[in-house]
């Protein structure tokens, strides 16, 4: 009897160790899936899609689905998203999780959810985000990005280092997010990759790092958006 109880205890402990990581990572996996769905929807609308030429010339991308904006008169916003950059061969790296937070003054009643995309045009803007807490409009110039399928999409954005986009209630337009801050979500990265102390730079440079398979669908949607 004692032996049987010991065996059962060992099985239950093993099951807990196997199941618990997926439970811990539920929030991060949800972010990946929401970001993937958002990219797929954006690409399907030729009129309001991000121009593929602009995507191809960007050095990094942040996709932050379901940014929650709430309040009355004084409004705040917060969301979790993914940051990917291009390596030396122009391939997209594994993602680092980020959080976007900020405040704005305006007459807004109730809560509102928006999807946000930020295209990083310079290495300096990437370094700013990965090394410190980064403020849009303070640490780098931000401009509303062009939309559509224009063959001659501009390559000069008036000195802007970041292009911003936002979709709310089905409308996808270039907008400004000046004053919002972006910070690497260290806890989310540790849970997602199951590695204590992992940094964004580790994620971007360690080619042996294996990400959960759901990120492959996100990368496929990103690559398709560049075509």
C-alpha atoms as a PDB file:
ATOM      1  CA  UNK A   1       0.000   0.000   0.000  1.00  0.00           C
ATOM      2  CA  UNK A   2       2.794   2.398   0.930  1.00  0.00           C
ATOM      3  CA  UNK A   3       4.544   1.614  -2.361  1.00  0.00           C
ATOM      4  CA  UNK A   4       1.377   2.322  -4.331  1.00  0.00           C
ATOM      5  CA  UNK A   5       0.897   5.645  -2.596  1.00  0.00           C
ATOM      6  CA  UNK A   6       4.503   6.546  -3.337  1.00  0.00           C
ATOM      7  CA  UNK A   7       4.052   5.717  -7.028  1.00  0.00           C
ATOM      8  CA  UNK A   8       0.851   7.772  -7.211  1.00  0.00           C
ATOM      9  CA  UNK A   9       2.591  10.700  -5.515  1.00  0.00           C
ATOM     10  CA  UNK A  10       5.444  10.550  -8.012  1.00  0.00           C
ATOM     11  CA  UNK A  11       3.004  10.509 -10.946  1.00  0.00           C
ATOM     12  CA  UNK A  12       1.057  13.477  -9.580  1.00  0.00           C
ATOM     13  CA  UNK A  13       4.267  15.431  -9.020  1.00  0.00           C
ATOM     14  CA  UNK A  14       5.412  14.737 -12.585  1.00  0.00           C
ATOM     15  CA  UNK A  15       2.047  15.824 -13.967  1.00  0.00           C
ATOM     16  CA  UNK A  16       2.263  19.074 -12.008  1.00  0.00           C
ATOM     17  CA  UNK A  17       5.741  19.833 -13.372  1.00  0.00           C
ATOM     18  CA  UNK A  18       4.576  19.182 -16.926  1.00  0.00           C
ATOM     19  CA  UNK A  19       1.332  21.125 -16.705  1.00  0.00           C
ATOM     20  CA  UNK A  20       2.403  24.113 -14.654  1.00  0.00           C
ATOM     21  CA  UNK A  21       4.583  25.872 -17.308  1.00  0.00           C
ATOM     22  CA  UNK A  22       1.689  26.073 -19.798  1.00  0.00           C
ATOM     23  CA  UNK A  23      -0.552  27.432 -17.063  1.00  0.00           C
ATOM     24  CA  UNK A  24       2.021  30.037 -16.051  1.00  0.00           C
ATOM     25  CA  UNK A  25       2.516  31.074 -19.687  1.00  0.00           C
ATOM     26  CA  UNK A  26      -1.202  31.390 -20.476  1.00  0.00           C
ATOM     27  CA  UNK A  27      -1.061  35.194 -20.535  1.00  0.00           C
ATOM     28  CA  UNK A  28       1.989  35.285 -22.813  1.00  0.00           C
ATOM     29  CA  UNK A  29       0.567  32.670 -25.180  1.00  0.00           C
ATOM     30  CA  UNK A  30      -2.640  34.681 -25.358  1.00  0.00           C
ATOM     31  CA  UNK A  31      -0.621  37.759 -26.344  1.00  0.00           C
ATOM     32  CA  UNK A  32       1.142  35.822 -29.111  1.00  0.00           C
ATOM     33  CA  UNK A  33      -2.123  34.465 -30.486  1.00  0.00           C
ATOM     34  CA  UNK A  34      -3.853  37.860 -30.357  1.00  0.00           C
ATOM     35  CA  UNK A  35      -0.899  39.529 -32.082  1.00  0.00           C
ATOM     36  CA  UNK A  36      -0.913  36.864 -34.795  1.00  0.00           C
ATOM     37  CA  UNK A  37      -4.632  37.281 -35.434  1.00  0.00           C
ATOM     38  CA  UNK A  38      -4.215  41.054 -35.586  1.00  0.00           C
ATOM     39  CA  UNK A  39      -1.426  40.853 -38.198  1.00  0.00           C
ATOM     40  CA  UNK A  40      -3.477  38.465 -40.314  1.00  0.00           C
ATOM     41  CA  UNK A  41      -6.474  40.791 -40.236  1.00  0.00           C
ATOM     42  CA  UNK A  42      -4.391  43.861 -41.071  1.00  0.00           C
ATOM     43  CA  UNK A  43      -2.765  42.156 -44.046  1.00  0.00           C
ATOM     44  CA  UNK A  44      -6.129  41.081 -45.476  1.00  0.00           C
ATOM     45  CA  UNK A  45      -7.255  44.713 -45.949  1.00  0.00           C
ATOM     46  CA  UNK A  46      -5.335  46.128 -48.914  1.00  0.00           C
ATOM     47  CA  UNK A  47      -6.632  49.654 -48.369  1.00  0.00           C
ATOM     48  CA  UNK A  48      -5.500  50.035 -44.762  1.00  0.00           C
ATOM     49  CA  UNK A  49      -2.626  47.568 -44.509  1.00  0.00           C
ATOM     50  CA  UNK A  50       0.880  48.639 -43.541  1.00  0.00           C
ATOM     51  CA  UNK A  51       2.754  49.088 -46.856  1.00  0.00           C
ATOM     52  CA  UNK A  52       5.042  46.068 -47.406  1.00  0.00           C
ATOM     53  CA  UNK A  53       7.872  48.375 -48.503  1.00  0.00           C
ATOM     54  CA  UNK A  54       7.762  50.149 -45.151  1.00  0.00           C
ATOM     55  CA  UNK A  55       7.803  46.849 -43.279  1.00  0.00           C
ATOM     56  CA  UNK A  56      10.784  45.671 -45.298  1.00  0.00           C
ATOM     57  CA  UNK A  57      12.847  48.751 -44.467  1.00  0.00           C
ATOM     58  CA  UNK A  58      12.074  48.668 -40.742  1.00  0.00           C
ATOM     59  CA  UNK A  59      14.652  47.236 -38.358  1.00  0.00           C
ATOM     60  CA  UNK A  60      12.186  46.144 -35.686  1.00  0.00           C
ATOM     61  CA  UNK A  61       8.490  45.817 -34.965  1.00  0.00           C
ATOM     62  CA  UNK A  62       6.310  45.970 -31.863  1.00  0.00           C
ATOM     63  CA  UNK A  63       2.829  44.488 -32.023  1.00  0.00           C
ATOM     64  CA  UNK A  64       0.723  45.268 -28.965  1.00  0.00           C
ATOM     65  CA  UNK A  65      -2.803  43.860 -29.219  1.00  0.00           C
ATOM     66  CA  UNK A  66      -5.663  44.900 -26.967  1.00  0.00           C
ATOM     67  CA  UNK A  67      -4.169  48.021 -25.446  1.00  0.00           C
ATOM     68  CA  UNK A  68      -6.717  49.027 -22.821  1.00  0.00           C
ATOM     69  CA  UNK A  69      -7.565  52.687 -22.575  1.00  0.00           C
ATOM     70  CA  UNK A  70      -9.877  53.664 -19.745  1.00  0.00           C
ATOM     71  CA  UNK A  71     -10.978  56.638 -17.706  1.00  0.00           C
ATOM     72  CA  UNK A  72     -12.933  59.852 -17.825  1.00  0.00           C
ATOM     73  CA  UNK A  73     -11.133  63.144 -18.571  1.00  0.00           C
ATOM     74  CA  UNK A  74      -7.845  61.650 -17.324  1.00  0.00           C
ATOM     75  CA  UNK A  75      -7.151  58.502 -19.315  1.00  0.00           C
ATOM     76  CA  UNK A  76      -4.449  55.860 -19.069  1.00  0.00           C
ATOM     77  CA  UNK A  77      -3.417  52.985 -21.298  1.00  0.00           C
ATOM     78  CA  UNK A  78      -1.587  49.693 -20.860  1.00  0.00           C
ATOM     79  CA  UNK A  79      -0.871  46.643 -22.977  1.00  0.00           C
ATOM     80  CA  UNK A  80       1.487  43.691 -23.389  1.00  0.00           C
ATOM     81  CA  UNK A  81       3.057  42.991 -26.759  1.00  0.00           C
ATOM     82  CA  UNK A  82       5.907  41.504 -28.758  1.00  0.00           C
ATOM     83  CA  UNK A  83       9.154  43.085 -29.939  1.00  0.00           C
ATOM     84  CA  UNK A  84      11.067  41.452 -32.783  1.00  0.00           C
ATOM     85  CA  UNK A  85      14.106  42.808 -34.606  1.00  0.00           C
ATOM     86  CA  UNK A  86      15.972  41.808 -37.759  1.00  0.00           C
ATOM     87  CA  UNK A  87      19.315  40.067 -37.383  1.00  0.00           C
ATOM     88  CA  UNK A  88      22.365  40.558 -39.603  1.00  0.00           C
ATOM     89  CA  UNK A  89      20.780  38.417 -42.327  1.00  0.00           C
ATOM     90  CA  UNK A  90      17.476  40.366 -42.240  1.00  0.00           C
ATOM     91  CA  UNK A  91      15.625  37.503 -40.551  1.00  0.00           C
ATOM     92  CA  UNK A  92      13.204  38.182 -37.707  1.00  0.00           C
ATOM     93  CA  UNK A  93      14.408  37.077 -34.283  1.00  0.00           C
ATOM     94  CA  UNK A  94      12.447  35.442 -31.496  1.00  0.00           C
ATOM     95  CA  UNK A  95      10.230  37.927 -29.638  1.00  0.00           C
ATOM     96  CA  UNK A  96      10.822  39.749 -26.405  1.00  0.00           C
ATOM     97  CA  UNK A  97       7.727  40.714 -24.439  1.00  0.00           C
ATOM     98  CA  UNK A  98       7.189  44.410 -23.736  1.00  0.00           C
ATOM     99  CA  UNK A  99       4.654  46.539 -21.915  1.00  0.00           C
ATOM    100  CA  UNK A 100       3.293  49.842 -23.166  1.00  0.00           C
ATOM    101  CA  UNK A 101       1.997  52.321 -20.613  1.00  0.00           C
ATOM    102  CA  UNK A 102       1.008  55.951 -20.823  1.00  0.00           C
ATOM    103  CA  UNK A 103      -1.497  58.625 -20.026  1.00  0.00           C
ATOM    104  CA  UNK A 104      -3.367  61.238 -21.992  1.00  0.00           C
ATOM    105  CA  UNK A 105      -5.794  64.053 -21.275  1.00  0.00           C
ATOM    106  CA  UNK A 106      -9.139  63.933 -23.071  1.00  0.00           C
ATOM    107  CA  UNK A 107     -12.858  63.480 -22.695  1.00  0.00           C
ATOM    108  CA  UNK A 108     -13.150  59.706 -22.745  1.00  0.00           C
ATOM    109  CA  UNK A 109     -15.942  57.833 -21.041  1.00  0.00           C
ATOM    110  CA  UNK A 110     -15.668  54.149 -20.269  1.00  0.00           C
ATOM    111  CA  UNK A 111     -12.992  51.799 -21.562  1.00  0.00           C
ATOM    112  CA  UNK A 112     -11.672  51.297 -25.053  1.00  0.00           C
ATOM    113  CA  UNK A 113      -9.391  48.664 -26.567  1.00  0.00           C
ATOM    114  CA  UNK A 114      -6.971  49.336 -29.423  1.00  0.00           C
ATOM    115  CA  UNK A 115      -4.352  47.346 -31.318  1.00  0.00           C
ATOM    116  CA  UNK A 116      -1.002  49.080 -31.768  1.00  0.00           C
ATOM    117  CA  UNK A 117       1.914  48.536 -34.146  1.00  0.00           C
ATOM    118  CA  UNK A 118       5.212  50.391 -33.902  1.00  0.00           C
ATOM    119  CA  UNK A 119       7.842  50.091 -36.636  1.00  0.00           C
ATOM    120  CA  UNK A 120      11.408  50.821 -35.513  1.00  0.00           C
ATOM    121  CA  UNK A 121      13.417  52.408 -38.310  1.00  0.00           C
ATOM    122  CA  UNK A 122      16.790  52.806 -36.581  1.00  0.00           C
ATOM    123  CA  UNK A 123      19.148  50.745 -34.465  1.00  0.00           C
ATOM    124  CA  UNK A 124      19.168  53.569 -31.927  1.00  0.00           C
ATOM    125  CA  UNK A 125      15.453  53.167 -31.249  1.00  0.00           C
ATOM    126  CA  UNK A 126      15.937  49.421 -30.768  1.00  0.00           C
ATOM    127  CA  UNK A 127      18.834  49.988 -28.368  1.00  0.00           C
ATOM    128  CA  UNK A 128      16.774  52.491 -26.411  1.00  0.00           C
ATOM    129  CA  UNK A 129      13.980  49.999 -25.811  1.00  0.00           C
ATOM    130  CA  UNK A 130      16.197  47.017 -24.981  1.00  0.00           C
ATOM    131  CA  UNK A 131      18.472  48.945 -22.621  1.00  0.00           C
ATOM    132  CA  UNK A 132      16.123  51.226 -20.726  1.00  0.00           C
ATOM    133  CA  UNK A 133      12.575  52.327 -20.165  1.00  0.00           C
ATOM    134  CA  UNK A 134      11.783  54.175 -23.391  1.00  0.00           C
ATOM    135  CA  UNK A 135       9.413  57.119 -23.935  1.00  0.00           C
ATOM    136  CA  UNK A 136       7.841  57.678 -27.329  1.00  0.00           C
ATOM    137  CA  UNK A 137       8.410  61.236 -28.486  1.00  0.00           C
ATOM    138  CA  UNK A 138      10.953  61.824 -25.718  1.00  0.00           C
ATOM    139  CA  UNK A 139      13.707  59.323 -26.491  1.00  0.00           C
ATOM    140  CA  UNK A 140      12.847  59.021 -30.197  1.00  0.00           C
ATOM    141  CA  UNK A 141      10.773  60.935 -32.726  1.00  0.00           C
ATOM    142  CA  UNK A 142       7.487  59.207 -33.566  1.00  0.00           C
ATOM    143  CA  UNK A 143       5.315  59.790 -36.638  1.00  0.00           C
ATOM    144  CA  UNK A 144       2.014  58.365 -37.854  1.00  0.00           C
ATOM    145  CA  UNK A 145       2.808  55.656 -40.383  1.00  0.00           C
ATOM    146  CA  UNK A 146       1.435  55.504 -43.935  1.00  0.00           C
ATOM    147  CA  UNK A 147      -1.226  52.949 -44.811  1.00  0.00           C
ATOM    148  CA  UNK A 148      -2.280  51.255 -48.038  1.00  0.00           C
ATOM    149  CA  UNK A 149      -0.431  49.484 -50.804  1.00  0.00           C
ATOM    150  CA  UNK A 150       1.323  52.434 -52.436  1.00  0.00           C
ATOM    151  CA  UNK A 151       4.191  51.199 -54.605  1.00  0.00           C
ATOM    152  CA  UNK A 152       6.172  54.316 -53.896  1.00  0.00           C
ATOM    153  CA  UNK A 153       5.913  54.325 -50.127  1.00  0.00           C
ATOM    154  CA  UNK A 154       8.165  57.025 -48.748  1.00  0.00           C
ATOM    155  CA  UNK A 155      11.577  56.096 -47.433  1.00  0.00           C
ATOM    156  CA  UNK A 156      12.055  59.454 -45.717  1.00  0.00           C
ATOM    157  CA  UNK A 157       9.772  60.063 -42.746  1.00  0.00           C
ATOM    158  CA  UNK A 158      11.029  63.490 -41.764  1.00  0.00           C
ATOM    159  CA  UNK A 159      13.571  62.270 -39.245  1.00  0.00           C
ATOM    160  CA  UNK A 160      11.141  59.994 -37.392  1.00  0.00           C
ATOM    161  CA  UNK A 161      12.732  56.915 -35.854  1.00  0.00           C
ATOM    162  CA  UNK A 162       9.435  55.127 -35.159  1.00  0.00           C
ATOM    163  CA  UNK A 163       6.202  54.855 -37.137  1.00  0.00           C
ATOM    164  CA  UNK A 164       3.013  54.257 -35.164  1.00  0.00           C
ATOM    165  CA  UNK A 165      -0.283  52.656 -36.104  1.00  0.00           C
ATOM    166  CA  UNK A 166      -3.442  51.944 -34.144  1.00  0.00           C
ATOM    167  CA  UNK A 167      -6.683  50.122 -34.869  1.00  0.00           C
ATOM    168  CA  UNK A 168      -9.803  50.784 -32.844  1.00  0.00           C
ATOM    169  CA  UNK A 169     -13.307  49.552 -33.617  1.00  0.00           C
ATOM    170  CA  UNK A 170     -12.148  48.162 -36.942  1.00  0.00           C
ATOM    171  CA  UNK A 171     -10.559  51.415 -38.167  1.00  0.00           C
ATOM    172  CA  UNK A 172      -6.817  51.144 -38.842  1.00  0.00           C
ATOM    173  CA  UNK A 173      -5.006  54.482 -39.111  1.00  0.00           C
ATOM    174  CA  UNK A 174      -1.622  56.038 -38.469  1.00  0.00           C
ATOM    175  CA  UNK A 175      -1.622  57.780 -35.090  1.00  0.00           C
ATOM    176  CA  UNK A 176       0.759  59.389 -32.626  1.00  0.00           C
ATOM    177  CA  UNK A 177       1.460  57.776 -29.243  1.00  0.00           C
ATOM    178  CA  UNK A 178       3.758  60.489 -27.949  1.00  0.00           C
ATOM    179  CA  UNK A 179       4.251  60.260 -24.196  1.00  0.00           C
ATOM    180  CA  UNK A 180       3.673  56.519 -23.905  1.00  0.00           C
ATOM    181  CA  UNK A 181       6.517  54.435 -22.525  1.00  0.00           C
ATOM    182  CA  UNK A 182       7.797  51.008 -23.533  1.00  0.00           C
ATOM    183  CA  UNK A 183       9.610  48.644 -21.206  1.00  0.00           C
ATOM    184  CA  UNK A 184      10.953  45.111 -21.580  1.00  0.00           C
ATOM    185  CA  UNK A 185       8.703  42.695 -19.653  1.00  0.00           C
ATOM    186  CA  UNK A 186      11.387  40.654 -17.894  1.00  0.00           C
ATOM    187  CA  UNK A 187       8.958  38.442 -15.960  1.00  0.00           C
ATOM    188  CA  UNK A 188       7.053  37.505 -19.111  1.00  0.00           C
ATOM    189  CA  UNK A 189      10.299  36.636 -20.918  1.00  0.00           C
ATOM    190  CA  UNK A 190      11.435  34.417 -18.062  1.00  0.00           C
ATOM    191  CA  UNK A 191       8.138  32.543 -18.023  1.00  0.00           C
ATOM    192  CA  UNK A 192       7.840  32.244 -21.792  1.00  0.00           C
ATOM    193  CA  UNK A 193      11.354  30.897 -22.337  1.00  0.00           C
ATOM    194  CA  UNK A 194      11.565  29.149 -18.954  1.00  0.00           C
ATOM    195  CA  UNK A 195      14.941  30.742 -18.258  1.00  0.00           C
ATOM    196  CA  UNK A 196      15.705  32.827 -15.184  1.00  0.00           C
ATOM    197  CA  UNK A 197      17.353  36.184 -15.862  1.00  0.00           C
ATOM    198  CA  UNK A 198      17.030  36.053 -19.646  1.00  0.00           C
ATOM    199  CA  UNK A 199      17.388  39.481 -21.259  1.00  0.00           C
ATOM    200  CA  UNK A 200      16.009  40.886 -24.500  1.00  0.00           C
ATOM    201  CA  UNK A 201      19.524  40.863 -25.970  1.00  0.00           C
ATOM    202  CA  UNK A 202      19.837  37.165 -25.042  1.00  0.00           C
ATOM    203  CA  UNK A 203      16.610  36.463 -26.925  1.00  0.00           C
ATOM    204  CA  UNK A 204      17.741  38.368 -30.011  1.00  0.00           C
ATOM    205  CA  UNK A 205      21.227  36.841 -30.232  1.00  0.00           C
ATOM    206  CA  UNK A 206      20.926  33.276 -28.895  1.00  0.00           C
ATOM    207  CA  UNK A 207      20.153  31.146 -31.942  1.00  0.00           C
ATOM    208  CA  UNK A 208      19.908  28.000 -29.826  1.00  0.00           C
ATOM    209  CA  UNK A 209      16.940  29.448 -27.936  1.00  0.00           C
ATOM    210  CA  UNK A 210      13.739  27.563 -28.713  1.00  0.00           C
ATOM    211  CA  UNK A 211      10.477  29.478 -28.480  1.00  0.00           C
ATOM    212  CA  UNK A 212       7.074  27.810 -28.089  1.00  0.00           C
ATOM    213  CA  UNK A 213       5.675  26.757 -31.495  1.00  0.00           C
ATOM    214  CA  UNK A 214       2.894  29.369 -31.496  1.00  0.00           C
ATOM    215  CA  UNK A 215       5.436  32.043 -32.419  1.00  0.00           C
ATOM    216  CA  UNK A 216       5.969  30.368 -35.804  1.00  0.00           C
ATOM    217  CA  UNK A 217       2.464  31.415 -36.881  1.00  0.00           C
ATOM    218  CA  UNK A 218       3.229  34.999 -35.855  1.00  0.00           C
ATOM    219  CA  UNK A 219       6.448  35.035 -37.875  1.00  0.00           C
ATOM    220  CA  UNK A 220       4.643  33.590 -40.901  1.00  0.00           C
ATOM    221  CA  UNK A 221       2.018  36.359 -40.683  1.00  0.00           C
ATOM    222  CA  UNK A 222       4.787  38.943 -40.379  1.00  0.00           C
ATOM    223  CA  UNK A 223       6.679  37.602 -43.396  1.00  0.00           C
ATOM    224  CA  UNK A 224       3.459  37.465 -45.435  1.00  0.00           C
ATOM    225  CA  UNK A 225       2.788  41.108 -44.575  1.00  0.00           C
ATOM    226  CA  UNK A 226       6.058  42.083 -46.255  1.00  0.00           C
ATOM    227  CA  UNK A 227       5.037  40.600 -49.614  1.00  0.00           C
END
